[in-house]
Amino acid sequence: MKKLLIVLPLLFGSMAVAASVQCEIENGRIYCKYFLDRSDNQNGKEVEFHWISPQSPKDDRIRHFRVPPQHGSVYDYRFLPGRTEGRWRVKVIDLDTNETVEAIFDINGTDDSIFEEE
């Protein structure tokens, strides 16, 4: 079952870059995809995904990615089971320009059954 999470893209800094981040739940995972204009990516981009938990800093995570030249997206994911309930933020920072886009979504319960042993 595919469930689209509520996403509120925000752009900080210069308005020149039309990047966005979108998140969805699918097969027990939360996928967040960062999209950028391929024409703005002539030499490749370095980006960081910041997963910010609503309650527990130990559930936060930062991951670094390289978007190859002429590519228009990159994604990161987390398993839904075990995630803290509440309002999450995923911030993606373009390390070359310091542009930031953000998605905000709610997790209202998780099912830990995929981690249970039979």
PDB file of N, CA and C in Angstrom:
ATOM      1  N   MET A   1       0.837  -1.173   0.000  1.00  0.00           N
ATOM      2  CA  MET A   1       0.000   0.000   0.000  1.00  0.00           C
ATOM      3  C   MET A   1       0.882   1.236   0.000  1.00  0.00           C
ATOM      4  N   LYS A   2       0.640   2.131  -0.888  1.00  0.00           N
ATOM      5  CA  LYS A   2       1.422   3.345  -1.041  1.00  0.00           C
ATOM      6  C   LYS A   2       0.650   4.494  -0.423  1.00  0.00           C
ATOM      7  N   LYS A   3       1.275   5.219   0.481  1.00  0.00           N
ATOM      8  CA  LYS A   3       0.610   6.345   1.143  1.00  0.00           C
ATOM      9  C   LYS A   3       1.485   7.580   1.000  1.00  0.00           C
ATOM     10  N   LEU A   4       0.935   8.617   0.411  1.00  0.00           N
ATOM     11  CA  LEU A   4       1.663   9.872   0.240  1.00  0.00           C
ATOM     12  C   LEU A   4       1.556  10.660   1.526  1.00  0.00           C
ATOM     13  N   LEU A   5       2.682  11.099   2.046  1.00  0.00           N
ATOM     14  CA  LEU A   5       2.700  11.887   3.271  1.00  0.00           C
ATOM     15  C   LEU A   5       2.448  13.347   2.956  1.00  0.00           C
ATOM     16  N   ILE A   6       1.905  14.058   3.921  1.00  0.00           N
ATOM     17  CA  ILE A   6       1.692  15.500   3.752  1.00  0.00           C
ATOM     18  C   ILE A   6       3.052  16.164   3.643  1.00  0.00           C
ATOM     19  N   VAL A   7       3.262  16.923   2.595  1.00  0.00           N
ATOM     20  CA  VAL A   7       4.549  17.548   2.334  1.00  0.00           C
ATOM     21  C   VAL A   7       4.351  19.048   2.179  1.00  0.00           C
ATOM     22  N   LEU A   8       5.181  19.790   2.887  1.00  0.00           N
ATOM     23  CA  LEU A   8       5.170  21.244   2.770  1.00  0.00           C
ATOM     24  C   LEU A   8       6.554  21.691   2.341  1.00  0.00           C
ATOM     25  N   PRO A   9       6.820  21.801   1.034  1.00  0.00           N
ATOM     26  CA  PRO A   9       8.154  22.214   0.611  1.00  0.00           C
ATOM     27  C   PRO A   9       8.403  23.676   0.964  1.00  0.00           C
ATOM     28  N   LEU A  10       9.560  23.923   1.527  1.00  0.00           N
ATOM     29  CA  LEU A  10       9.971  25.275   1.874  1.00  0.00           C
ATOM     30  C   LEU A  10      11.314  25.539   1.229  1.00  0.00           C
ATOM     31  N   LEU A  11      11.539  26.734   0.762  1.00  0.00           N
ATOM     32  CA  LEU A  11      12.800  27.101   0.139  1.00  0.00           C
ATOM     33  C   LEU A  11      13.401  28.239   0.930  1.00  0.00           C
ATOM     34  N   PHE A  12      14.616  28.047   1.388  1.00  0.00           N
ATOM     35  CA  PHE A  12      15.309  29.075   2.145  1.00  0.00           C
ATOM     36  C   PHE A  12      16.458  29.619   1.306  1.00  0.00           C
ATOM     37  N   GLY A  13      16.770  30.884   1.450  1.00  0.00           N
ATOM     38  CA  GLY A  13      17.870  31.482   0.701  1.00  0.00           C
ATOM     39  C   GLY A  13      17.380  32.013  -0.629  1.00  0.00           C
ATOM     40  N   SER A  14      18.220  31.944  -1.624  1.00  0.00           N
ATOM     41  CA  SER A  14      17.901  32.462  -2.954  1.00  0.00           C
ATOM     42  C   SER A  14      16.737  31.701  -3.577  1.00  0.00           C
ATOM     43  N   MET A  15      15.901  32.405  -4.320  1.00  0.00           N
ATOM     44  CA  MET A  15      14.762  31.785  -4.979  1.00  0.00           C
ATOM     45  C   MET A  15      15.125  31.281  -6.378  1.00  0.00           C
ATOM     46  N   ALA A  16      16.405  31.252  -6.739  1.00  0.00           N
ATOM     47  CA  ALA A  16      16.824  30.882  -8.083  1.00  0.00           C
ATOM     48  C   ALA A  16      16.691  29.381  -8.346  1.00  0.00           C
ATOM     49  N   VAL A  17      16.867  28.555  -7.346  1.00  0.00           N
ATOM     50  CA  VAL A  17      16.836  27.117  -7.521  1.00  0.00           C
ATOM     51  C   VAL A  17      15.432  26.595  -7.230  1.00  0.00           C
ATOM     52  N   ALA A  18      14.879  25.809  -8.141  1.00  0.00           N
ATOM     53  CA  ALA A  18      13.530  25.274  -7.969  1.00  0.00           C
ATOM     54  C   ALA A  18      13.598  23.812  -7.535  1.00  0.00           C
ATOM     55  N   ALA A  19      14.294  23.529  -6.459  1.00  0.00           N
ATOM     56  CA  ALA A  19      14.415  22.170  -5.953  1.00  0.00           C
ATOM     57  C   ALA A  19      13.243  21.867  -5.030  1.00  0.00           C
ATOM     58  N   SER A  20      12.976  20.575  -4.825  1.00  0.00           N
ATOM     59  CA  SER A  20      11.918  20.178  -3.905  1.00  0.00           C
ATOM     60  C   SER A  20      12.257  18.831  -3.279  1.00  0.00           C
ATOM     61  N   VAL A  21      11.597  18.531  -2.174  1.00  0.00           N
ATOM     62  CA  VAL A  21      11.717  17.215  -1.548  1.00  0.00           C
ATOM     63  C   VAL A  21      10.299  16.705  -1.303  1.00  0.00           C
ATOM     64  N   GLN A  22      10.070  15.433  -1.637  1.00  0.00           N
ATOM     65  CA  GLN A  22       8.761  14.818  -1.465  1.00  0.00           C
ATOM     66  C   GLN A  22       8.941  13.492  -0.736  1.00  0.00           C
ATOM     67  N   CYS A  23       8.034  13.220   0.209  1.00  0.00           N
ATOM     68  CA  CYS A  23       8.131  11.998   1.000  1.00  0.00           C
ATOM     69  C   CYS A  23       6.863  11.166   0.852  1.00  0.00           C
ATOM     70  N   GLU A  24       7.025   9.837   0.914  1.00  0.00           N
ATOM     71  CA  GLU A  24       5.884   8.925   0.865  1.00  0.00           C
ATOM     72  C   GLU A  24       6.221   7.653   1.626  1.00  0.00           C
ATOM     73  N   ILE A  25       5.169   6.959   2.077  1.00  0.00           N
ATOM     74  CA  ILE A  25       5.323   5.668   2.741  1.00  0.00           C
ATOM     75  C   ILE A  25       4.952   4.585   1.747  1.00  0.00           C
ATOM     76  N   GLU A  26       5.827   3.590   1.640  1.00  0.00           N
ATOM     77  CA  GLU A  26       5.560   2.463   0.753  1.00  0.00           C
ATOM     78  C   GLU A  26       6.274   1.237   1.298  1.00  0.00           C
ATOM     79  N   ASN A  27       5.548   0.138   1.456  1.00  0.00           N
ATOM     80  CA  ASN A  27       6.116  -1.133   1.908  1.00  0.00           C
ATOM     81  C   ASN A  27       6.908  -1.004   3.209  1.00  0.00           C
ATOM     82  N   GLY A  28       6.369  -0.286   4.183  1.00  0.00           N
ATOM     83  CA  GLY A  28       7.015  -0.183   5.494  1.00  0.00           C
ATOM     84  C   GLY A  28       8.233   0.720   5.530  1.00  0.00           C
ATOM     85  N   ARG A  29       8.406   1.545   4.513  1.00  0.00           N
ATOM     86  CA  ARG A  29       9.533   2.483   4.477  1.00  0.00           C
ATOM     87  C   ARG A  29       9.017   3.886   4.204  1.00  0.00           C
ATOM     88  N   ILE A  30       9.762   4.874   4.666  1.00  0.00           N
ATOM     89  CA  ILE A  30       9.494   6.272   4.353  1.00  0.00           C
ATOM     90  C   ILE A  30      10.561   6.678   3.344  1.00  0.00           C
ATOM     91  N   TYR A  31      10.132   7.017   2.136  1.00  0.00           N
ATOM     92  CA  TYR A  31      11.050   7.454   1.086  1.00  0.00           C
ATOM     93  C   TYR A  31      10.946   8.968   0.947  1.00  0.00           C
ATOM     94  N   CYS A  32      12.083   9.641   0.955  1.00  0.00           N
ATOM     95  CA  CYS A  32      12.108  11.073   0.678  1.00  0.00           C
ATOM     96  C   CYS A  32      13.025  11.280  -0.528  1.00  0.00           C
ATOM     97  N   LYS A  33      12.464  11.935  -1.549  1.00  0.00           N
ATOM     98  CA  LYS A  33      13.180  12.136  -2.811  1.00  0.00           C
ATOM     99  C   LYS A  33      13.434  13.631  -3.001  1.00  0.00           C
ATOM    100  N   TYR A  34      14.665  13.943  -3.336  1.00  0.00           N
ATOM    101  CA  TYR A  34      15.086  15.321  -3.610  1.00  0.00           C
ATOM    102  C   TYR A  34      15.170  15.481  -5.116  1.00  0.00           C
ATOM    103  N   PHE A  35      14.445  16.473  -5.639  1.00  0.00           N
ATOM    104  CA  PHE A  35      14.421  16.753  -7.073  1.00  0.00           C
ATOM    105  C   PHE A  35      15.055  18.104  -7.340  1.00  0.00           C
ATOM    106  N   LEU A  36      15.846  18.186  -8.422  1.00  0.00           N
ATOM    107  CA  LEU A  36      16.419  19.453  -8.845  1.00  0.00           C
ATOM    108  C   LEU A  36      16.397  19.510 -10.365  1.00  0.00           C
ATOM    109  N   ASP A  37      16.527  20.698 -10.894  1.00  0.00           N
ATOM    110  CA  ASP A  37      16.545  20.894 -12.343  1.00  0.00           C
ATOM    111  C   ASP A  37      17.871  20.352 -12.879  1.00  0.00           C
ATOM    112  N   ARG A  38      17.805  19.416 -13.813  1.00  0.00           N
ATOM    113  CA  ARG A  38      19.030  18.826 -14.383  1.00  0.00           C
ATOM    114  C   ARG A  38      19.967  19.884 -14.958  1.00  0.00           C
ATOM    115  N   SER A  39      19.394  20.944 -15.509  1.00  0.00           N
ATOM    116  CA  SER A  39      20.234  21.988 -16.108  1.00  0.00           C
ATOM    117  C   SER A  39      21.025  22.750 -15.050  1.00  0.00           C
ATOM    118  N   ASP A  40      20.608  22.682 -13.786  1.00  0.00           N
ATOM    119  CA  ASP A  40      21.360  23.299 -12.690  1.00  0.00           C
ATOM    120  C   ASP A  40      22.424  22.365 -12.131  1.00  0.00           C
ATOM    121  N   ASN A  41      22.565  21.189 -12.725  1.00  0.00           N
ATOM    122  CA  ASN A  41      23.485  20.183 -12.200  1.00  0.00           C
ATOM    123  C   ASN A  41      24.514  19.782 -13.253  1.00  0.00           C
ATOM    124  N   GLN A  42      25.261  20.739 -13.737  1.00  0.00           N
ATOM    125  CA  GLN A  42      26.270  20.488 -14.775  1.00  0.00           C
ATOM    126  C   GLN A  42      27.471  19.704 -14.258  1.00  0.00           C
ATOM    127  N   ASN A  43      27.851  19.914 -12.996  1.00  0.00           N
ATOM    128  CA  ASN A  43      29.079  19.319 -12.460  1.00  0.00           C
ATOM    129  C   ASN A  43      28.841  18.336 -11.321  1.00  0.00           C
ATOM    130  N   GLY A  44      27.593  18.013 -11.059  1.00  0.00           N
ATOM    131  CA  GLY A  44      27.283  17.151  -9.919  1.00  0.00           C
ATOM    132  C   GLY A  44      27.013  18.003  -8.694  1.00  0.00           C
ATOM    133  N   LYS A  45      26.279  17.441  -7.764  1.00  0.00           N
ATOM    134  CA  LYS A  45      25.914  18.156  -6.535  1.00  0.00           C
ATOM    135  C   LYS A  45      26.197  17.283  -5.332  1.00  0.00           C
ATOM    136  N   GLU A  46      26.573  17.924  -4.254  1.00  0.00           N
ATOM    137  CA  GLU A  46      26.702  17.273  -2.955  1.00  0.00           C
ATOM    138  C   GLU A  46      25.525  17.752  -2.117  1.00  0.00           C
ATOM    139  N   VAL A  47      24.750  16.806  -1.558  1.00  0.00           N
ATOM    140  CA  VAL A  47      23.594  17.165  -0.746  1.00  0.00           C
ATOM    141  C   VAL A  47      23.604  16.352   0.545  1.00  0.00           C
ATOM    142  N   GLU A  48      22.915  16.889   1.555  1.00  0.00           N
ATOM    143  CA  GLU A  48      22.734  16.180   2.815  1.00  0.00           C
ATOM    144  C   GLU A  48      21.253  16.096   3.140  1.00  0.00           C
ATOM    145  N   PHE A  49      20.822  14.908   3.547  1.00  0.00           N
ATOM    146  CA  PHE A  49      19.472  14.699   4.067  1.00  0.00           C
ATOM    147  C   PHE A  49      19.558  14.753   5.586  1.00  0.00           C
ATOM    148  N   HIS A  50      18.760  15.603   6.193  1.00  0.00           N
ATOM    149  CA  HIS A  50      18.665  15.702   7.648  1.00  0.00           C
ATOM    150  C   HIS A  50      17.277  15.222   8.060  1.00  0.00           C
ATOM    151  N   TRP A  51      17.195  14.082   8.719  1.00  0.00           N
ATOM    152  CA  TRP A  51      15.937  13.551   9.254  1.00  0.00           C
ATOM    153  C   TRP A  51      15.848  14.044  10.689  1.00  0.00           C
ATOM    154  N   ILE A  52      14.809  14.804  11.009  1.00  0.00           N
ATOM    155  CA  ILE A  52      14.689  15.427  12.323  1.00  0.00           C
ATOM    156  C   ILE A  52      13.439  14.887  13.014  1.00  0.00           C
ATOM    157  N   SER A  53      13.667  14.139  14.083  1.00  0.00           N
ATOM    158  CA  SER A  53      12.598  13.504  14.841  1.00  0.00           C
ATOM    159  C   SER A  53      11.839  14.525  15.676  1.00  0.00           C
ATOM    160  N   PRO A  54      10.553  14.307  15.893  1.00  0.00           N
ATOM    161  CA  PRO A  54       9.769  15.248  16.699  1.00  0.00           C
ATOM    162  C   PRO A  54      10.088  15.181  18.184  1.00  0.00           C
ATOM    163  N   GLN A  55      10.656  14.060  18.654  1.00  0.00           N
ATOM    164  CA  GLN A  55      10.841  13.900  20.087  1.00  0.00           C
ATOM    165  C   GLN A  55      12.230  13.453  20.495  1.00  0.00           C
ATOM    166  N   SER A  56      12.863  12.626  19.721  1.00  0.00           N
ATOM    167  CA  SER A  56      14.076  11.955  20.173  1.00  0.00           C
ATOM    168  C   SER A  56      15.263  12.229  19.257  1.00  0.00           C
ATOM    169  N   PRO A  57      16.218  13.039  19.705  1.00  0.00           N
ATOM    170  CA  PRO A  57      17.402  13.288  18.859  1.00  0.00           C
ATOM    171  C   PRO A  57      18.156  12.012  18.476  1.00  0.00           C
ATOM    172  N   LYS A  58      18.011  10.938  19.265  1.00  0.00           N
ATOM    173  CA  LYS A  58      18.700   9.692  18.907  1.00  0.00           C
ATOM    174  C   LYS A  58      18.113   9.060  17.649  1.00  0.00           C
ATOM    175  N   ASP A  59      16.916   9.503  17.228  1.00  0.00           N
ATOM    176  CA  ASP A  59      16.295   9.006  16.003  1.00  0.00           C
ATOM    177  C   ASP A  59      16.601   9.911  14.799  1.00  0.00           C
ATOM    178  N   ASP A  60      17.295  11.029  15.024  1.00  0.00           N
ATOM    179  CA  ASP A  60      17.702  11.916  13.936  1.00  0.00           C
ATOM    180  C   ASP A  60      18.788  11.228  13.110  1.00  0.00           C
ATOM    181  N   ARG A  61      18.946  11.672  11.880  1.00  0.00           N
ATOM    182  CA  ARG A  61      20.004  11.115  11.036  1.00  0.00           C
ATOM    183  C   ARG A  61      20.400  12.127   9.984  1.00  0.00           C
ATOM    184  N   ILE A  62      21.683  12.131   9.627  1.00  0.00           N
ATOM    185  CA  ILE A  62      22.206  12.944   8.522  1.00  0.00           C
ATOM    186  C   ILE A  62      22.909  11.989   7.567  1.00  0.00           C
ATOM    187  N   ARG A  63      22.548  12.076   6.267  1.00  0.00           N
ATOM    188  CA  ARG A  63      23.210  11.270   5.236  1.00  0.00           C
ATOM    189  C   ARG A  63      23.668  12.170   4.110  1.00  0.00           C
ATOM    190  N   HIS A  64      24.851  11.904   3.611  1.00  0.00           N
ATOM    191  CA  HIS A  64      25.493  12.685   2.550  1.00  0.00           C
ATOM    192  C   HIS A  64      25.387  11.905   1.237  1.00  0.00           C
ATOM    193  N   PHE A  65      25.010  12.617   0.151  1.00  0.00           N
ATOM    194  CA  PHE A  65      24.886  11.995  -1.163  1.00  0.00           C
ATOM    195  C   PHE A  65      25.531  12.874  -2.223  1.00  0.00           C
ATOM    196  N   ARG A  66      25.968  12.231  -3.293  1.00  0.00           N
ATOM    197  CA  ARG A  66      26.439  12.943  -4.483  1.00  0.00           C
ATOM    198  C   ARG A  66      25.439  12.672  -5.599  1.00  0.00           C
ATOM    199  N   VAL A  67      24.904  13.737  -6.178  1.00  0.00           N
ATOM    200  CA  VAL A  67      24.010  13.630  -7.335  1.00  0.00           C
ATOM    201  C   VAL A  67      24.904  13.782  -8.565  1.00  0.00           C
ATOM    202  N   PRO A  68      25.012  12.752  -9.403  1.00  0.00           N
ATOM    203  CA  PRO A  68      25.903  12.829 -10.566  1.00  0.00           C
ATOM    204  C   PRO A  68      25.502  13.954 -11.525  1.00  0.00           C
ATOM    205  N   PRO A  69      26.454  14.449 -12.334  1.00  0.00           N
ATOM    206  CA  PRO A  69      26.146  15.499 -13.313  1.00  0.00           C
ATOM    207  C   PRO A  69      24.970  15.098 -14.200  1.00  0.00           C
ATOM    208  N   GLN A  70      24.120  16.074 -14.501  1.00  0.00           N
ATOM    209  CA  GLN A  70      22.947  15.923 -15.362  1.00  0.00           C
ATOM    210  C   GLN A  70      21.840  15.046 -14.775  1.00  0.00           C
ATOM    211  N   HIS A  71      21.987  14.582 -13.546  1.00  0.00           N
ATOM    212  CA  HIS A  71      20.922  13.813 -12.904  1.00  0.00           C
ATOM    213  C   HIS A  71      20.010  14.779 -12.167  1.00  0.00           C
ATOM    214  N   GLY A  72      18.742  14.385 -11.996  1.00  0.00           N
ATOM    215  CA  GLY A  72      17.761  15.294 -11.432  1.00  0.00           C
ATOM    216  C   GLY A  72      17.172  14.880 -10.107  1.00  0.00           C
ATOM    217  N   SER A  73      17.680  13.783  -9.501  1.00  0.00           N
ATOM    218  CA  SER A  73      17.105  13.388  -8.216  1.00  0.00           C
ATOM    219  C   SER A  73      18.017  12.437  -7.459  1.00  0.00           C
ATOM    220  N   VAL A  74      17.732  12.322  -6.172  1.00  0.00           N
ATOM    221  CA  VAL A  74      18.379  11.355  -5.292  1.00  0.00           C
ATOM    222  C   VAL A  74      17.389  11.095  -4.163  1.00  0.00           C
ATOM    223  N   TYR A  75      17.440   9.924  -3.548  1.00  0.00           N
ATOM    224  CA  TYR A  75      16.501   9.654  -2.463  1.00  0.00           C
ATOM    225  C   TYR A  75      17.199   8.986  -1.287  1.00  0.00           C
ATOM    226  N   ASP A  76      16.540   9.079  -0.139  1.00  0.00           N
ATOM    227  CA  ASP A  76      16.955   8.385   1.072  1.00  0.00           C
ATOM    228  C   ASP A  76      15.699   7.752   1.655  1.00  0.00           C
ATOM    229  N   TYR A  77      15.860   6.722   2.467  1.00  0.00           N
ATOM    230  CA  TYR A  77      14.691   6.122   3.094  1.00  0.00           C
ATOM    231  C   TYR A  77      15.014   5.684   4.508  1.00  0.00           C
ATOM    232  N   ARG A  78      13.964   5.533   5.292  1.00  0.00           N
ATOM    233  CA  ARG A  78      14.045   4.984   6.651  1.00  0.00           C
ATOM    234  C   ARG A  78      12.944   3.945   6.768  1.00  0.00           C
ATOM    235  N   PHE A  79      13.172   2.943   7.597  1.00  0.00           N
ATOM    236  CA  PHE A  79      12.114   1.988   7.889  1.00  0.00           C
ATOM    237  C   PHE A  79      11.088   2.675   8.763  1.00  0.00           C
ATOM    238  N   LEU A  80       9.819   2.465   8.479  1.00  0.00           N
ATOM    239  CA  LEU A  80       8.746   3.052   9.277  1.00  0.00           C
ATOM    240  C   LEU A  80       8.662   2.434  10.676  1.00  0.00           C
ATOM    241  N   PRO A  81       8.741   1.095  10.812  1.00  0.00           N
ATOM    242  CA  PRO A  81       8.685   0.526  12.161  1.00  0.00           C
ATOM    243  C   PRO A  81       9.815   1.066  13.034  1.00  0.00           C
ATOM    244  N   GLY A  82       9.442   1.454  14.240  1.00  0.00           N
ATOM    245  CA  GLY A  82      10.426   1.968  15.177  1.00  0.00           C
ATOM    246  C   GLY A  82      10.607   3.471  15.154  1.00  0.00           C
ATOM    247  N   ARG A  83      10.030   4.149  14.163  1.00  0.00           N
ATOM    248  CA  ARG A  83      10.130   5.612  14.110  1.00  0.00           C
ATOM    249  C   ARG A  83       9.223   6.227  15.165  1.00  0.00           C
ATOM    250  N   THR A  84       9.671   7.301  15.747  1.00  0.00           N
ATOM    251  CA  THR A  84       8.912   8.054  16.734  1.00  0.00           C
ATOM    252  C   THR A  84       7.672   8.659  16.086  1.00  0.00           C
ATOM    253  N   GLU A  85       6.542   8.582  16.790  1.00  0.00           N
ATOM    254  CA  GLU A  85       5.317   9.212  16.285  1.00  0.00           C
ATOM    255  C   GLU A  85       5.421  10.721  16.425  1.00  0.00           C
ATOM    256  N   GLY A  86       4.687  11.429  15.561  1.00  0.00           N
ATOM    257  CA  GLY A  86       4.635  12.884  15.627  1.00  0.00           C
ATOM    258  C   GLY A  86       5.012  13.519  14.305  1.00  0.00           C
ATOM    259  N   ARG A  87       5.305  14.812  14.363  1.00  0.00           N
ATOM    260  CA  ARG A  87       5.620  15.597  13.164  1.00  0.00           C
ATOM    261  C   ARG A  87       7.127  15.535  12.890  1.00  0.00           C
ATOM    262  N   TRP A  88       7.481  14.942  11.755  1.00  0.00           N
ATOM    263  CA  TRP A  88       8.860  14.813  11.311  1.00  0.00           C
ATOM    264  C   TRP A  88       9.201  15.899  10.306  1.00  0.00           C
ATOM    265  N   ARG A  89      10.491  16.231  10.235  1.00  0.00           N
ATOM    266  CA  ARG A  89      11.006  17.140   9.207  1.00  0.00           C
ATOM    267  C   ARG A  89      12.148  16.444   8.500  1.00  0.00           C
ATOM    268  N   VAL A  90      12.162  16.584   7.186  1.00  0.00           N
ATOM    269  CA  VAL A  90      13.301  16.135   6.384  1.00  0.00           C
ATOM    270  C   VAL A  90      13.783  17.350   5.628  1.00  0.00           C
ATOM    271  N   LYS A  91      15.013  17.721   5.907  1.00  0.00           N
ATOM    272  CA  LYS A  91      15.630  18.899   5.296  1.00  0.00           C
ATOM    273  C   LYS A  91      16.731  18.403   4.368  1.00  0.00           C
ATOM    274  N   VAL A  92      16.757  18.917   3.136  1.00  0.00           N
ATOM    275  CA  VAL A  92      17.831  18.573   2.202  1.00  0.00           C
ATOM    276  C   VAL A  92      18.590  19.854   1.891  1.00  0.00           C
ATOM    277  N   ILE A  93      19.902  19.801   2.097  1.00  0.00           N
ATOM    278  CA  ILE A  93      20.769  20.965   1.899  1.00  0.00           C
ATOM    279  C   ILE A  93      21.679  20.708   0.708  1.00  0.00           C
ATOM    280  N   ASP A  94      21.662  21.618  -0.273  1.00  0.00           N
ATOM    281  CA  ASP A  94      22.605  21.598  -1.386  1.00  0.00           C
ATOM    282  C   ASP A  94      23.901  22.199  -0.832  1.00  0.00           C
ATOM    283  N   LEU A  95      24.928  21.385  -0.670  1.00  0.00           N
ATOM    284  CA  LEU A  95      26.158  21.844  -0.023  1.00  0.00           C
ATOM    285  C   LEU A  95      26.960  22.806  -0.884  1.00  0.00           C
ATOM    286  N   ASP A  96      26.674  22.873  -2.190  1.00  0.00           N
ATOM    287  CA  ASP A  96      27.369  23.818  -3.067  1.00  0.00           C
ATOM    288  C   ASP A  96      26.802  25.228  -2.941  1.00  0.00           C
ATOM    289  N   THR A  97      25.482  25.329  -2.792  1.00  0.00           N
ATOM    290  CA  THR A  97      24.833  26.637  -2.767  1.00  0.00           C
ATOM    291  C   THR A  97      24.253  27.004  -1.400  1.00  0.00           C
ATOM    292  N   ASN A  98      24.209  26.024  -0.493  1.00  0.00           N
ATOM    293  CA  ASN A  98      23.605  26.180   0.832  1.00  0.00           C
ATOM    294  C   ASN A  98      22.082  26.368   0.760  1.00  0.00           C
ATOM    295  N   GLU A  99      21.463  26.068  -0.398  1.00  0.00           N
ATOM    296  CA  GLU A  99      20.001  26.108  -0.543  1.00  0.00           C
ATOM    297  C   GLU A  99      19.409  24.949   0.242  1.00  0.00           C
ATOM    298  N   THR A 100      18.279  25.185   0.880  1.00  0.00           N
ATOM    299  CA  THR A 100      17.616  24.173   1.693  1.00  0.00           C
ATOM    300  C   THR A 100      16.156  24.054   1.298  1.00  0.00           C
ATOM    301  N   VAL A 101      15.687  22.820   1.152  1.00  0.00           N
ATOM    302  CA  VAL A 101      14.263  22.548   0.979  1.00  0.00           C
ATOM    303  C   VAL A 101      13.867  21.579   2.084  1.00  0.00           C
ATOM    304  N   GLU A 102      12.595  21.626   2.453  1.00  0.00           N
ATOM    305  CA  GLU A 102      12.159  20.861   3.611  1.00  0.00           C
ATOM    306  C   GLU A 102      10.785  20.254   3.374  1.00  0.00           C
ATOM    307  N   ALA A 103      10.592  19.058   3.898  1.00  0.00           N
ATOM    308  CA  ALA A 103       9.279  18.404   3.904  1.00  0.00           C
ATOM    309  C   ALA A 103       8.913  18.147   5.360  1.00  0.00           C
ATOM    310  N   ILE A 104       7.645  18.346   5.676  1.00  0.00           N
ATOM    311  CA  ILE A 104       7.136  18.110   7.016  1.00  0.00           C
ATOM    312  C   ILE A 104       5.988  17.114   6.894  1.00  0.00           C
ATOM    313  N   PHE A 105       6.005  16.055   7.721  1.00  0.00           N
ATOM    314  CA  PHE A 105       4.941  15.060   7.665  1.00  0.00           C
ATOM    315  C   PHE A 105       4.730  14.463   9.046  1.00  0.00           C
ATOM    316  N   ASP A 106       3.574  13.841   9.237  1.00  0.00           N
ATOM    317  CA  ASP A 106       3.213  13.222  10.508  1.00  0.00           C
ATOM    318  C   ASP A 106       3.288  11.706  10.403  1.00  0.00           C
ATOM    319  N   ILE A 107       3.797  11.077  11.452  1.00  0.00           N
ATOM    320  CA  ILE A 107       3.726   9.624  11.603  1.00  0.00           C
ATOM    321  C   ILE A 107       2.796   9.386  12.780  1.00  0.00           C
ATOM    322  N   ASN A 108       1.705   8.681  12.505  1.00  0.00           N
ATOM    323  CA  ASN A 108       0.676   8.458  13.521  1.00  0.00           C
ATOM    324  C   ASN A 108       0.598   7.004  13.929  1.00  0.00           C
ATOM    325  N   GLY A 109       1.712   6.383  14.142  1.00  0.00           N
ATOM    326  CA  GLY A 109       1.737   4.979  14.553  1.00  0.00           C
ATOM    327  C   GLY A 109       2.522   4.155  13.561  1.00  0.00           C
ATOM    328  N   THR A 110       3.189   3.145  14.075  1.00  0.00           N
ATOM    329  CA  THR A 110       3.945   2.239  13.216  1.00  0.00           C
ATOM    330  C   THR A 110       3.651   0.819  13.648  1.00  0.00           C
ATOM    331  N   ASP A 111       3.917  -0.093  12.775  1.00  0.00           N
ATOM    332  CA  ASP A 111       3.716  -1.517  13.018  1.00  0.00           C
ATOM    333  C   ASP A 111       5.092  -2.161  13.049  1.00  0.00           C
ATOM    334  N   ASP A 112       5.512  -2.669  14.209  1.00  0.00           N
ATOM    335  CA  ASP A 112       6.840  -3.257  14.350  1.00  0.00           C
ATOM    336  C   ASP A 112       6.883  -4.735  13.931  1.00  0.00           C
ATOM    337  N   SER A 113       5.810  -5.250  13.354  1.00  0.00           N
ATOM    338  CA  SER A 113       5.717  -6.679  13.072  1.00  0.00           C
ATOM    339  C   SER A 113       6.790  -7.182  12.100  1.00  0.00           C
ATOM    340  N   ILE A 114       7.312  -6.335  11.211  1.00  0.00           N
ATOM    341  CA  ILE A 114       8.324  -6.834  10.280  1.00  0.00           C
ATOM    342  C   ILE A 114       9.637  -7.167  10.977  1.00  0.00           C
ATOM    343  N   PHE A 115       9.806  -6.708  12.246  1.00  0.00           N
ATOM    344  CA  PHE A 115      11.026  -7.018  12.988  1.00  0.00           C
ATOM    345  C   PHE A 115      10.842  -8.173  13.972  1.00  0.00           C
ATOM    346  N   GLU A 116       9.621  -8.718  14.077  1.00  0.00           N
ATOM    347  CA  GLU A 116       9.378  -9.811  14.999  1.00  0.00           C
ATOM    348  C   GLU A 116       9.805 -11.124  14.389  1.00  0.00           C
ATOM    349  N   GLU A 117      10.381 -11.990  15.226  1.00  0.00           N
ATOM    350  CA  GLU A 117      10.795 -13.309  14.768  1.00  0.00           C
ATOM    351  C   GLU A 117       9.648 -14.288  14.946  1.00  0.00           C
ATOM    352  N   GLU A 118       9.585 -15.269  14.065  1.00  0.00           N
ATOM    353  CA  GLU A 118       8.502 -16.278  14.155  1.00  0.00           C
ATOM    354  C   GLU A 118       8.948 -17.437  14.992  1.00  0.00           C
TER     355      GLU A 118
END
